[in-house]
Protein backbone atom coordinates (compact mmCIF):
# COMPACT_ATOMS: atom_id res chain seq x y z
CA MET A 1 152.65 102.90 60.19
CA ALA A 2 149.66 101.73 62.15
CA SER A 3 149.71 99.89 65.50
CA LEU A 4 147.70 96.70 65.18
CA SER A 5 145.58 95.66 68.34
CA ALA A 6 144.96 92.06 69.30
CA LYS A 7 141.36 92.54 68.15
CA LYS A 8 140.36 92.83 64.54
CA ASP A 9 138.82 96.44 64.96
CA GLU A 10 137.34 98.64 62.63
CA ASP A 11 140.58 100.79 62.23
CA TYR A 12 142.53 97.80 60.86
CA LYS A 13 139.83 97.09 58.54
CA LEU A 14 139.97 100.72 57.07
CA LEU A 15 143.56 100.31 57.04
CA ASN A 16 143.47 97.44 54.71
CA ASN A 17 140.18 98.08 52.71
CA SER A 18 141.89 99.23 49.72
CA LYS A 19 144.07 95.72 49.35
CA LEU A 20 142.09 92.48 50.12
CA PHE A 21 145.11 90.40 49.93
CA MET A 22 148.82 90.93 51.37
CA LYS A 23 151.71 88.91 52.02
CA ILE A 24 152.68 89.77 55.50
CA GLY A 25 155.86 88.67 57.43
CA VAL A 26 155.74 88.12 61.17
CA PHE A 27 158.86 88.96 62.98
CA GLY A 28 158.67 87.98 66.67
CA GLY A 29 160.59 88.90 69.77
CA SER A 30 160.69 90.30 73.31
CA PHE A 31 162.15 93.71 71.80
CA ASP A 32 163.58 94.58 75.33
CA PRO A 33 164.34 96.97 73.86
CA ILE A 34 163.85 97.06 70.13
CA HIS A 35 167.03 98.49 68.28
CA ASN A 36 167.83 99.50 65.07
CA GLY A 37 169.18 96.21 64.08
CA HIS A 38 165.68 94.87 64.27
CA ILE A 39 164.62 97.50 62.17
CA ILE A 40 167.12 97.34 59.56
CA LEU A 41 166.45 93.61 59.01
CA ALA A 42 162.74 94.18 58.96
CA GLN A 43 163.45 96.86 56.18
CA TYR A 44 165.68 94.49 54.45
CA ALA A 45 163.16 91.68 54.58
CA LEU A 46 160.40 93.92 52.95
CA GLU A 47 162.87 95.02 50.10
CA HIS A 48 164.13 91.66 49.19
CA THR A 49 161.19 89.29 49.30
CA ASP A 50 157.54 89.59 47.95
CA LEU A 51 156.30 90.69 51.40
CA GLU A 52 154.07 93.89 51.47
CA GLN A 53 154.09 94.49 55.15
CA LEU A 54 155.92 93.14 58.14
CA TRP A 55 154.55 92.76 61.46
CA LEU A 56 156.67 93.18 64.52
CA MET A 57 155.02 90.73 67.21
CA VAL A 58 155.88 91.80 70.58
CA SER A 59 155.93 88.74 72.63
CA PRO A 60 154.22 88.87 76.16
CA ARG A 61 156.00 88.16 79.44
CA ASN A 62 155.48 84.20 80.12
CA PRO A 63 154.26 84.31 83.94
CA LEU A 64 155.60 80.85 84.33
CA LYS A 65 159.18 81.81 83.75
CA ASP A 66 161.50 83.67 86.28
CA HIS A 67 163.60 85.11 83.54
CA GLY A 68 161.71 87.11 81.06
CA PRO A 69 161.86 90.77 79.73
CA LEU A 70 162.85 93.43 82.09
CA ALA A 71 160.34 96.00 80.68
CA THR A 72 156.74 95.37 80.95
CA ASP A 73 154.58 94.17 77.90
CA GLU A 74 153.20 97.77 77.65
CA GLN A 75 156.59 99.31 77.77
CA ARG A 76 158.01 97.17 75.10
CA LEU A 77 154.98 97.70 72.74
CA GLU A 78 155.23 101.39 73.11
CA MET A 79 159.09 101.30 72.49
CA ALA A 80 158.30 99.32 69.30
CA ARG A 81 155.68 101.67 68.26
CA LEU A 82 158.09 104.42 68.51
CA ALA A 83 160.86 102.96 66.76
CA VAL A 84 158.65 102.37 63.46
CA ALA A 85 156.32 105.30 63.76
CA ASP A 86 157.69 106.95 60.33
CA ILE A 87 158.58 103.52 58.48
CA PRO A 88 156.07 102.47 55.94
CA GLY A 89 155.23 98.85 55.64
CA ILE A 90 156.17 97.97 59.16
CA GLU A 91 153.52 97.57 61.75
CA VAL A 92 153.39 96.76 65.41
CA SER A 93 151.14 94.07 66.92
CA ASP A 94 150.10 92.85 70.27
CA PHE A 95 148.43 90.09 68.91
CA GLU A 96 150.23 87.46 71.04
CA PHE A 97 149.13 89.21 74.37
CA ASN A 98 145.54 87.61 74.06
CA LEU A 99 146.89 84.28 73.32
CA PRO A 100 147.40 81.47 75.89
CA ARG A 101 150.93 81.48 77.25
CA PRO A 102 153.38 80.21 76.34
CA SER A 103 152.17 81.07 72.96
CA TYR A 104 153.98 78.91 70.31
CA THR A 105 154.80 80.18 67.04
CA TYR A 106 152.74 77.74 65.10
CA LEU A 107 149.69 78.75 67.18
CA THR A 108 150.36 82.49 66.69
CA LEU A 109 150.43 81.79 63.09
CA SER A 110 147.41 79.62 62.74
CA GLU A 111 145.38 82.24 65.00
CA LEU A 112 146.76 85.09 62.71
CA GLN A 113 145.54 82.99 59.80
CA LYS A 114 142.01 82.50 61.16
CA ALA A 115 141.85 86.26 62.26
CA TYR A 116 142.84 87.58 58.73
CA PRO A 117 141.96 84.94 56.31
CA GLU A 118 142.32 87.53 53.56
CA HIS A 119 146.10 87.71 54.01
CA LYS A 120 148.99 85.21 53.70
CA PHE A 121 151.67 85.03 56.60
CA SER A 122 155.24 84.07 56.67
CA LEU A 123 157.64 83.93 59.43
CA LEU A 124 160.92 85.87 59.88
CA ILE A 125 163.62 84.10 62.06
CA GLY A 126 167.31 84.45 62.64
CA GLY A 127 169.94 81.80 61.75
CA ASP A 128 170.28 81.03 65.46
CA ASN A 129 166.66 80.19 65.69
CA TRP A 130 166.69 78.16 62.23
CA ALA A 131 169.72 76.13 63.72
CA ASN A 132 167.41 74.72 66.11
CA PHE A 133 164.18 74.80 64.36
CA ARG A 134 163.51 71.22 64.33
CA LEU A 135 163.07 71.55 68.13
CA TRP A 136 160.06 73.94 67.69
CA ARG A 137 156.43 72.98 67.68
CA ASN A 138 155.14 71.78 64.41
CA PRO A 139 158.23 72.82 62.32
CA ASP A 140 157.13 70.98 59.16
CA GLU A 141 153.60 72.60 59.39
CA ILE A 142 155.06 76.01 59.79
CA ILE A 143 157.16 75.60 56.72
CA SER A 144 154.49 74.03 54.83
CA ARG A 145 151.41 76.30 55.65
CA PHE A 146 153.17 79.74 56.09
CA GLY A 147 156.92 79.54 54.84
CA VAL A 148 159.70 80.69 56.70
CA ILE A 149 162.33 83.45 55.72
CA VAL A 150 165.85 83.25 57.57
CA TYR A 151 168.31 86.15 58.08
CA PRO A 152 171.89 85.58 59.17
CA ARG A 153 173.22 86.26 62.72
CA PRO A 154 176.90 87.28 63.16
CA ASP A 155 177.46 83.82 64.80
CA ILE A 156 175.46 81.72 62.47
CA LYS A 157 174.88 81.78 58.88
CA ALA A 158 171.42 82.06 57.25
CA ASN A 159 171.74 78.71 55.58
CA GLU A 160 172.65 76.75 58.57
CA THR A 161 171.07 73.51 58.29
CA GLU A 162 172.10 71.90 61.88
CA ASN A 163 168.17 71.68 62.48
CA LYS A 164 168.40 68.56 60.33
CA ILE A 165 165.52 69.79 57.94
CA GLN A 166 166.35 68.29 54.67
CA ILE A 167 166.51 70.90 51.65
CA PRO A 168 167.41 69.42 48.45
CA GLU A 169 169.88 71.21 46.26
CA ASN A 170 168.08 70.41 42.99
CA GLY A 171 165.11 72.28 44.28
CA GLN A 172 166.77 75.57 45.32
CA GLN A 173 166.89 78.83 43.23
CA LYS A 174 169.83 81.14 43.58
CA THR A 175 168.90 85.08 42.93
CA ASP A 176 171.18 87.84 41.91
CA ASP A 177 170.69 89.54 45.36
CA GLY A 178 172.08 86.69 47.46
CA ARG A 179 168.67 85.00 48.31
CA ARG A 180 168.51 81.27 48.08
CA ILE A 181 164.93 79.79 47.64
CA THR A 182 163.56 76.53 48.37
CA ASP A 183 160.03 75.21 48.83
CA ASN A 184 158.57 77.84 51.26
CA ILE A 185 162.07 78.86 52.57
CA ILE A 186 164.01 81.82 51.51
CA PHE A 187 167.56 82.39 52.99
CA LEU A 188 168.53 86.00 53.01
CA GLU A 189 172.25 85.17 53.01
CA ASN A 190 173.30 88.96 51.94
CA ALA A 191 171.35 90.34 54.65
CA PRO A 192 173.23 92.92 56.99
CA LEU A 193 174.91 91.38 59.90
CA MET A 194 174.06 93.85 62.85
CA PRO A 195 176.45 93.55 65.72
CA ILE A 196 173.75 94.95 67.98
CA SER A 197 172.53 93.09 71.04
CA ALA A 198 169.53 93.97 73.32
CA THR A 199 171.55 92.32 76.27
CA GLN A 200 174.49 94.53 75.66
CA ILE A 201 172.28 97.64 75.30
CA ARG A 202 170.67 96.80 78.64
CA SER A 203 174.01 96.19 80.45
CA LEU A 204 175.45 99.48 78.98
CA LEU A 205 172.36 101.42 79.88
CA SER A 206 172.72 99.96 83.59
CA SER A 207 176.34 100.51 84.06
CA ASP A 208 176.26 104.08 82.63
CA ASN A 209 173.14 105.26 84.54
CA LEU A 210 171.81 106.68 80.87
CA LEU A 211 174.51 109.31 80.49
CA SER A 212 174.24 111.58 77.67
CA ILE A 213 174.24 109.81 74.06
CA ASN A 214 177.76 111.04 73.19
CA ASP A 215 179.31 109.95 76.45
CA ASN A 216 178.14 106.13 75.75
CA LYS A 217 180.07 103.68 73.91
CA LEU A 218 179.17 100.14 73.07
CA ALA A 219 182.51 98.36 73.39
CA ASP A 220 181.46 95.45 71.50
CA PHE A 221 179.86 97.39 68.64
CA ASP A 222 182.99 98.77 66.85
CA ASN A 223 182.98 101.96 69.27
CA SER A 224 179.38 102.85 67.93
CA SER A 225 177.19 104.82 70.37
CA LEU A 226 173.65 104.30 71.56
CA GLU A 227 172.69 106.72 68.93
CA TYR A 228 173.68 104.18 66.40
CA ALA A 229 171.97 101.13 68.15
CA LEU A 230 168.51 102.84 69.39
CA HIS A 231 166.20 105.28 67.65
CA PRO A 232 166.06 108.48 69.41
CA SER A 233 162.70 108.21 70.55
CA VAL A 234 163.30 104.80 72.13
CA LEU A 235 166.12 106.15 74.19
CA GLU A 236 164.17 109.01 75.20
CA TYR A 237 161.44 106.72 76.53
CA ILE A 238 163.98 104.74 78.23
CA ARG A 239 165.39 107.49 79.99
CA ASN A 240 161.86 108.96 80.99
CA ASN A 241 160.88 105.61 82.31
CA SER A 242 164.28 104.82 84.10
CA LEU A 243 164.25 101.36 82.37
CA TYR A 244 167.47 98.96 82.70
CA ALA A 245 168.87 101.46 85.13
C-alpha cells in the first residue's frame, strides 16, 4: 500500500510504471474515523469487480460548514493510512485537499482523470447516497464518463431507485455472485452489510473515555467490541491523540 499525494509525484510514477492502465475505484468519505466496515467494503469491491485498485479519497473539512469532521484533515488521513497499510490494492489519497471547497464528486473525478489520464476511474458509493444520487452535481455525467458501483447499507438496498434514474430491466445482466450490471452501473447486492457507524464509534469513545478494548461494547453492534470495529493501529492513534474524548 502506498499513500498517494495530491501531487503527481515521482514516487507515484514509480509505483505504476509497470502498468500503464488501471481501473481504479474511488471511495470518498470523511472517515472520521475510518473503521473496518469501510475496509471490508473496499476489499469486497476489489474482489467482485474488475477494479485493480481502490483509492480511499479522504474528504477535506469544508470551512463554510459549522458541522464537519471532528478530527483534522491530517489526522483522518493518517488513520486511513494506518488502517490499510498492509492491504494490497487499497491506497489512501489526499487529492481533494488541493481542490476548491466544497469539492463536488464530479469535479474530483474530472480532475483525477486529468491528472492520471492513463487510468480509468469509477465511483464507489453506498445505497444511501445512491437513493439521492439525482440531487448530486452532474449525476448523468458521472455515470456516463466514469461509472458507479453501489454497495448496500443496512437501511437501504443497493438497488434502491428512489433517485429516479431510469435503469431498463432488459439492459441488465445478473451474475452468479449477486452483482447486477447495467450501463456503467454495478450493484453489489451481496456485499456484506456492516453494522458499524463512525457516529456510534465516536459516541462510544467519548462516553467511555477510551477504556480498554475489552471493556468497551458497541450496544448497537450486536455486542461487538471496538476491536471489531477499528483497526488496532487506528484505535491506538485515537488514544494517543485523545480524539473524540
